[in-house]
């Protein structure tokens, strides 16, 4: 008989992934690593939505995750374009060395 994985395990995994993403955003200076950490956080939330959707037997959460992933792909493309433009302008991708908003 096939046993399913309990909902708690999915939620724990999602929380661990989210915390790793938060630590990456807070501690890293490289803009690309920060974007990767943000994507990790977004995927942790997606995992939670899919887990609850499967637990409740409703596909609405899974459909919502599909749209969130489509928006995340567009966000990644725009973020990479911004990082490339930043690198061309300042020759660095470290966010603490960039001061474009100052006079």
N, C-alpha and C. Protein backbone atom coordinates (compact mmCIF):
# COMPACT_ATOMS: atom_id res chain seq x y z
N UNK A 1 0.84 -1.18 0.00
CA UNK A 1 0.00 0.00 0.00
C UNK A 1 0.89 1.25 0.00
N UNK A 2 0.55 2.20 -0.83
CA UNK A 2 1.32 3.43 -0.99
C UNK A 2 0.85 4.46 0.03
N UNK A 3 1.79 4.96 0.83
CA UNK A 3 1.43 5.98 1.82
C UNK A 3 1.85 7.34 1.29
N UNK A 4 1.02 8.33 1.53
CA UNK A 4 1.36 9.68 1.08
C UNK A 4 2.18 10.39 2.14
N UNK A 5 2.86 11.40 1.72
CA UNK A 5 3.69 12.20 2.63
C UNK A 5 2.76 13.15 3.39
N UNK A 6 2.92 13.26 4.70
CA UNK A 6 2.03 14.15 5.48
C UNK A 6 2.21 15.61 5.09
N UNK A 7 1.15 16.38 5.31
CA UNK A 7 1.17 17.80 4.99
C UNK A 7 2.23 18.54 5.79
N UNK A 8 2.48 18.11 7.01
CA UNK A 8 3.47 18.78 7.86
C UNK A 8 4.85 18.80 7.22
N UNK A 9 5.22 17.74 6.55
CA UNK A 9 6.54 17.67 5.93
C UNK A 9 6.68 18.70 4.81
N UNK A 10 5.63 18.85 4.03
CA UNK A 10 5.66 19.86 2.98
C UNK A 10 5.78 21.26 3.57
N UNK A 11 5.04 21.51 4.64
CA UNK A 11 5.09 22.83 5.27
C UNK A 11 6.45 23.11 5.91
N UNK A 12 7.06 22.10 6.50
CA UNK A 12 8.39 22.27 7.08
C UNK A 12 9.42 22.54 5.98
N UNK A 13 9.34 21.77 4.89
CA UNK A 13 10.25 22.00 3.76
C UNK A 13 10.07 23.40 3.19
N UNK A 14 8.83 23.82 3.05
CA UNK A 14 8.56 25.15 2.53
C UNK A 14 9.10 26.23 3.46
N UNK A 15 8.93 26.05 4.76
CA UNK A 15 9.45 27.03 5.72
C UNK A 15 10.97 27.09 5.68
N UNK A 16 11.62 25.94 5.56
CA UNK A 16 13.08 25.92 5.48
C UNK A 16 13.56 26.63 4.22
N UNK A 17 12.92 26.36 3.09
CA UNK A 17 13.29 27.02 1.84
C UNK A 17 13.06 28.53 1.93
N UNK A 18 11.97 28.93 2.55
CA UNK A 18 11.69 30.36 2.69
C UNK A 18 12.73 31.04 3.57
N UNK A 19 13.11 30.40 4.66
CA UNK A 19 14.11 30.98 5.56
C UNK A 19 15.47 31.08 4.86
N UNK A 20 15.83 30.07 4.08
CA UNK A 20 17.08 30.13 3.31
C UNK A 20 17.04 31.31 2.34
N UNK A 21 15.89 31.52 1.70
CA UNK A 21 15.74 32.66 0.79
C UNK A 21 15.86 33.99 1.51
N UNK A 22 15.24 34.10 2.68
CA UNK A 22 15.33 35.35 3.45
C UNK A 22 16.76 35.62 3.88
N UNK A 23 17.45 34.58 4.32
CA UNK A 23 18.85 34.75 4.72
C UNK A 23 19.69 35.18 3.51
N UNK A 24 19.41 34.61 2.34
CA UNK A 24 20.13 35.00 1.14
C UNK A 24 19.89 36.44 0.75
N UNK A 25 18.65 36.92 0.90
CA UNK A 25 18.35 38.31 0.56
C UNK A 25 19.02 39.26 1.55
N UNK A 26 19.01 38.89 2.82
CA UNK A 26 19.55 39.79 3.85
C UNK A 26 21.07 39.84 3.83
N UNK A 27 21.74 38.70 3.60
CA UNK A 27 23.19 38.66 3.78
C UNK A 27 23.99 38.85 2.51
N UNK A 28 23.43 38.66 1.35
CA UNK A 28 24.22 38.73 0.11
C UNK A 28 24.23 40.14 -0.46
N UNK A 29 25.30 40.45 -1.19
CA UNK A 29 25.43 41.75 -1.83
C UNK A 29 25.27 41.66 -3.33
N UNK A 30 25.44 40.49 -3.90
CA UNK A 30 25.36 40.32 -5.34
C UNK A 30 23.89 40.33 -5.78
N UNK A 31 23.56 41.17 -6.76
CA UNK A 31 22.17 41.32 -7.18
C UNK A 31 21.61 40.03 -7.77
N UNK A 32 22.42 39.26 -8.46
CA UNK A 32 21.94 38.01 -9.04
C UNK A 32 21.61 37.01 -7.95
N UNK A 33 22.43 36.92 -6.92
CA UNK A 33 22.15 36.03 -5.79
C UNK A 33 20.89 36.48 -5.06
N UNK A 34 20.68 37.77 -4.95
CA UNK A 34 19.47 38.28 -4.30
C UNK A 34 18.23 37.88 -5.11
N UNK A 35 18.31 37.99 -6.44
CA UNK A 35 17.19 37.57 -7.27
C UNK A 35 16.94 36.06 -7.14
N UNK A 36 18.00 35.28 -7.06
CA UNK A 36 17.84 33.84 -6.88
C UNK A 36 17.19 33.53 -5.53
N UNK A 37 17.55 34.27 -4.51
CA UNK A 37 16.95 34.07 -3.19
C UNK A 37 15.47 34.46 -3.20
N UNK A 38 15.13 35.51 -3.91
CA UNK A 38 13.73 35.89 -4.04
C UNK A 38 12.92 34.81 -4.76
N UNK A 39 13.50 34.23 -5.79
CA UNK A 39 12.83 33.14 -6.50
C UNK A 39 12.66 31.93 -5.60
N UNK A 40 13.65 31.66 -4.74
CA UNK A 40 13.54 30.56 -3.80
C UNK A 40 12.39 30.80 -2.82
N UNK A 41 12.26 32.02 -2.35
CA UNK A 41 11.16 32.36 -1.46
C UNK A 41 9.82 32.20 -2.16
N UNK A 42 9.74 32.63 -3.41
CA UNK A 42 8.51 32.50 -4.18
C UNK A 42 8.15 31.04 -4.40
N UNK A 43 9.14 30.21 -4.68
CA UNK A 43 8.88 28.79 -4.88
C UNK A 43 8.49 28.10 -3.57
N UNK A 44 8.98 28.58 -2.44
CA UNK A 44 8.56 28.02 -1.16
C UNK A 44 7.08 28.30 -0.92
N UNK A 45 6.64 29.49 -1.24
CA UNK A 45 5.22 29.82 -1.11
C UNK A 45 4.39 28.99 -2.09
N UNK A 46 4.90 28.79 -3.30
CA UNK A 46 4.20 27.96 -4.27
C UNK A 46 4.06 26.53 -3.77
N UNK A 47 5.10 26.00 -3.15
CA UNK A 47 5.04 24.66 -2.60
C UNK A 47 3.97 24.56 -1.51
N UNK A 48 3.86 25.59 -0.69
CA UNK A 48 2.83 25.61 0.34
C UNK A 48 1.44 25.61 -0.28
N UNK A 49 1.25 26.43 -1.32
CA UNK A 49 -0.07 26.48 -1.96
C UNK A 49 -0.43 25.16 -2.62
N UNK A 50 0.52 24.51 -3.24
CA UNK A 50 0.25 23.22 -3.87
C UNK A 50 -0.03 22.16 -2.82
N UNK A 51 0.69 22.19 -1.71
CA UNK A 51 0.47 21.22 -0.65
C UNK A 51 -0.93 21.37 -0.06
N UNK A 52 -1.33 22.61 0.23
CA UNK A 52 -2.68 22.81 0.75
C UNK A 52 -3.74 22.47 -0.28
N UNK A 53 -3.46 22.77 -1.54
CA UNK A 53 -4.41 22.44 -2.60
C UNK A 53 -4.62 20.94 -2.71
N UNK A 54 -3.55 20.19 -2.64
CA UNK A 54 -3.66 18.73 -2.69
C UNK A 54 -4.32 18.18 -1.43
N UNK A 55 -4.01 18.78 -0.28
CA UNK A 55 -4.58 18.33 0.98
C UNK A 55 -6.09 18.55 1.02
N UNK A 56 -6.53 19.69 0.49
CA UNK A 56 -7.96 20.01 0.50
C UNK A 56 -8.71 19.42 -0.69
N UNK A 57 -7.98 18.90 -1.67
CA UNK A 57 -8.61 18.31 -2.84
C UNK A 57 -9.19 19.32 -3.81
N UNK A 58 -8.64 20.53 -3.81
CA UNK A 58 -9.12 21.59 -4.69
C UNK A 58 -7.99 21.99 -5.62
N UNK A 59 -8.29 22.14 -6.91
CA UNK A 59 -7.23 22.47 -7.87
C UNK A 59 -7.03 23.98 -8.03
N UNK A 60 -7.80 24.78 -7.32
CA UNK A 60 -7.69 26.24 -7.47
C UNK A 60 -6.30 26.72 -7.06
N UNK A 61 -5.73 26.15 -6.01
CA UNK A 61 -4.39 26.54 -5.58
C UNK A 61 -3.34 26.20 -6.61
N UNK A 62 -3.49 25.07 -7.26
CA UNK A 62 -2.53 24.66 -8.28
C UNK A 62 -2.63 25.55 -9.52
N UNK A 63 -3.82 25.96 -9.86
CA UNK A 63 -3.99 26.88 -10.99
C UNK A 63 -3.39 28.24 -10.66
N UNK A 64 -3.59 28.69 -9.42
CA UNK A 64 -3.00 29.96 -9.00
C UNK A 64 -1.48 29.90 -9.04
N UNK A 65 -0.91 28.76 -8.65
CA UNK A 65 0.55 28.58 -8.69
C UNK A 65 1.05 28.66 -10.13
N UNK A 66 0.28 28.12 -11.06
CA UNK A 66 0.67 28.20 -12.47
C UNK A 66 0.80 29.65 -12.92
N UNK A 67 -0.14 30.49 -12.55
CA UNK A 67 -0.08 31.90 -12.92
C UNK A 67 1.05 32.62 -12.18
N UNK A 68 1.28 32.26 -10.93
CA UNK A 68 2.38 32.87 -10.17
C UNK A 68 3.71 32.52 -10.83
N UNK A 69 3.85 31.29 -11.30
CA UNK A 69 5.11 30.90 -11.96
C UNK A 69 5.30 31.64 -13.28
N UNK A 70 4.21 31.91 -14.00
CA UNK A 70 4.32 32.68 -15.23
C UNK A 70 4.77 34.11 -14.94
N UNK A 71 4.22 34.72 -13.89
CA UNK A 71 4.63 36.07 -13.51
C UNK A 71 6.08 36.06 -13.01
N UNK A 72 6.48 35.00 -12.30
CA UNK A 72 7.85 34.90 -11.80
C UNK A 72 8.85 34.78 -12.96
N UNK A 73 8.46 34.11 -14.02
CA UNK A 73 9.35 34.02 -15.19
C UNK A 73 9.54 35.39 -15.82
N UNK A 74 8.47 36.16 -15.91
CA UNK A 74 8.59 37.52 -16.44
C UNK A 74 9.41 38.40 -15.51
N UNK A 75 9.23 38.22 -14.21
CA UNK A 75 10.01 38.99 -13.23
C UNK A 75 11.49 38.66 -13.33
N UNK A 76 11.80 37.40 -13.55
CA UNK A 76 13.21 37.00 -13.68
C UNK A 76 13.83 37.62 -14.93
N UNK A 77 13.07 37.65 -16.02
CA UNK A 77 13.59 38.25 -17.25
C UNK A 77 13.83 39.75 -17.07
N UNK A 78 12.90 40.44 -16.46
CA UNK A 78 13.05 41.88 -16.22
C UNK A 78 14.17 42.14 -15.23
N UNK A 79 14.26 41.32 -14.18
CA UNK A 79 15.33 41.47 -13.21
C UNK A 79 16.70 41.28 -13.83
N UNK A 80 16.83 40.28 -14.69
CA UNK A 80 18.11 40.05 -15.36
C UNK A 80 18.45 41.20 -16.29
N UNK A 81 17.46 41.76 -16.96
CA UNK A 81 17.71 42.92 -17.83
C UNK A 81 18.17 44.12 -17.01
N UNK A 82 17.58 44.30 -15.84
CA UNK A 82 18.00 45.41 -14.97
C UNK A 82 19.43 45.19 -14.48
N UNK A 83 19.77 43.96 -14.12
CA UNK A 83 21.12 43.67 -13.65
C UNK A 83 22.13 43.88 -14.78
N UNK A 84 21.78 43.47 -15.98
CA UNK A 84 22.69 43.69 -17.13
C UNK A 84 22.88 45.17 -17.41
N UNK A 85 21.80 45.94 -17.36
CA UNK A 85 21.92 47.39 -17.57
C UNK A 85 22.75 48.03 -16.46
N UNK A 86 22.56 47.57 -15.24
CA UNK A 86 23.34 48.06 -14.11
C UNK A 86 24.82 47.75 -14.28
N UNK A 87 25.12 46.53 -14.74
CA UNK A 87 26.51 46.15 -14.93
C UNK A 87 27.16 46.98 -16.04
N UNK A 88 26.43 47.25 -17.10
CA UNK A 88 26.98 48.08 -18.18
C UNK A 88 27.25 49.51 -17.72
N UNK A 89 26.40 50.01 -16.84
CA UNK A 89 26.55 51.39 -16.38
C UNK A 89 27.64 51.53 -15.31
N UNK A 90 27.65 50.62 -14.33
CA UNK A 90 28.53 50.77 -13.18
C UNK A 90 29.66 49.74 -13.11
N UNK A 91 29.68 48.74 -13.97
CA UNK A 91 30.69 47.69 -14.00
C UNK A 91 30.72 46.87 -12.71
N UNK A 92 29.58 46.77 -12.03
CA UNK A 92 29.48 45.95 -10.83
C UNK A 92 28.03 45.49 -10.67
N UNK A 93 27.86 44.36 -9.98
CA UNK A 93 26.52 43.88 -9.67
C UNK A 93 26.29 43.83 -8.16
N UNK A 94 27.18 44.42 -7.40
CA UNK A 94 27.02 44.49 -5.95
C UNK A 94 26.10 45.65 -5.60
N UNK A 95 25.05 45.36 -4.86
CA UNK A 95 24.03 46.37 -4.62
C UNK A 95 24.49 47.48 -3.69
N UNK A 96 25.48 47.23 -2.85
CA UNK A 96 25.94 48.29 -1.96
C UNK A 96 26.88 49.26 -2.64
N UNK A 97 27.38 48.93 -3.81
CA UNK A 97 28.26 49.83 -4.56
C UNK A 97 27.52 50.67 -5.58
N UNK A 98 26.24 50.44 -5.70
CA UNK A 98 25.43 51.16 -6.69
C UNK A 98 24.64 52.25 -5.98
N UNK A 99 24.78 53.46 -6.46
CA UNK A 99 24.07 54.58 -5.89
C UNK A 99 23.45 55.42 -7.01
N UNK A 100 22.67 54.81 -7.87
CA UNK A 100 22.07 55.50 -9.00
C UNK A 100 21.02 56.51 -8.56
N UNK A 101 20.42 56.32 -7.40
CA UNK A 101 19.34 57.19 -6.98
C UNK A 101 19.84 58.43 -6.25
N UNK A 102 21.15 58.52 -5.99
CA UNK A 102 21.70 59.70 -5.33
C UNK A 102 21.98 60.79 -6.36
N UNK A 103 22.03 62.04 -5.87
CA UNK A 103 22.33 63.16 -6.76
C UNK A 103 23.77 63.20 -7.07
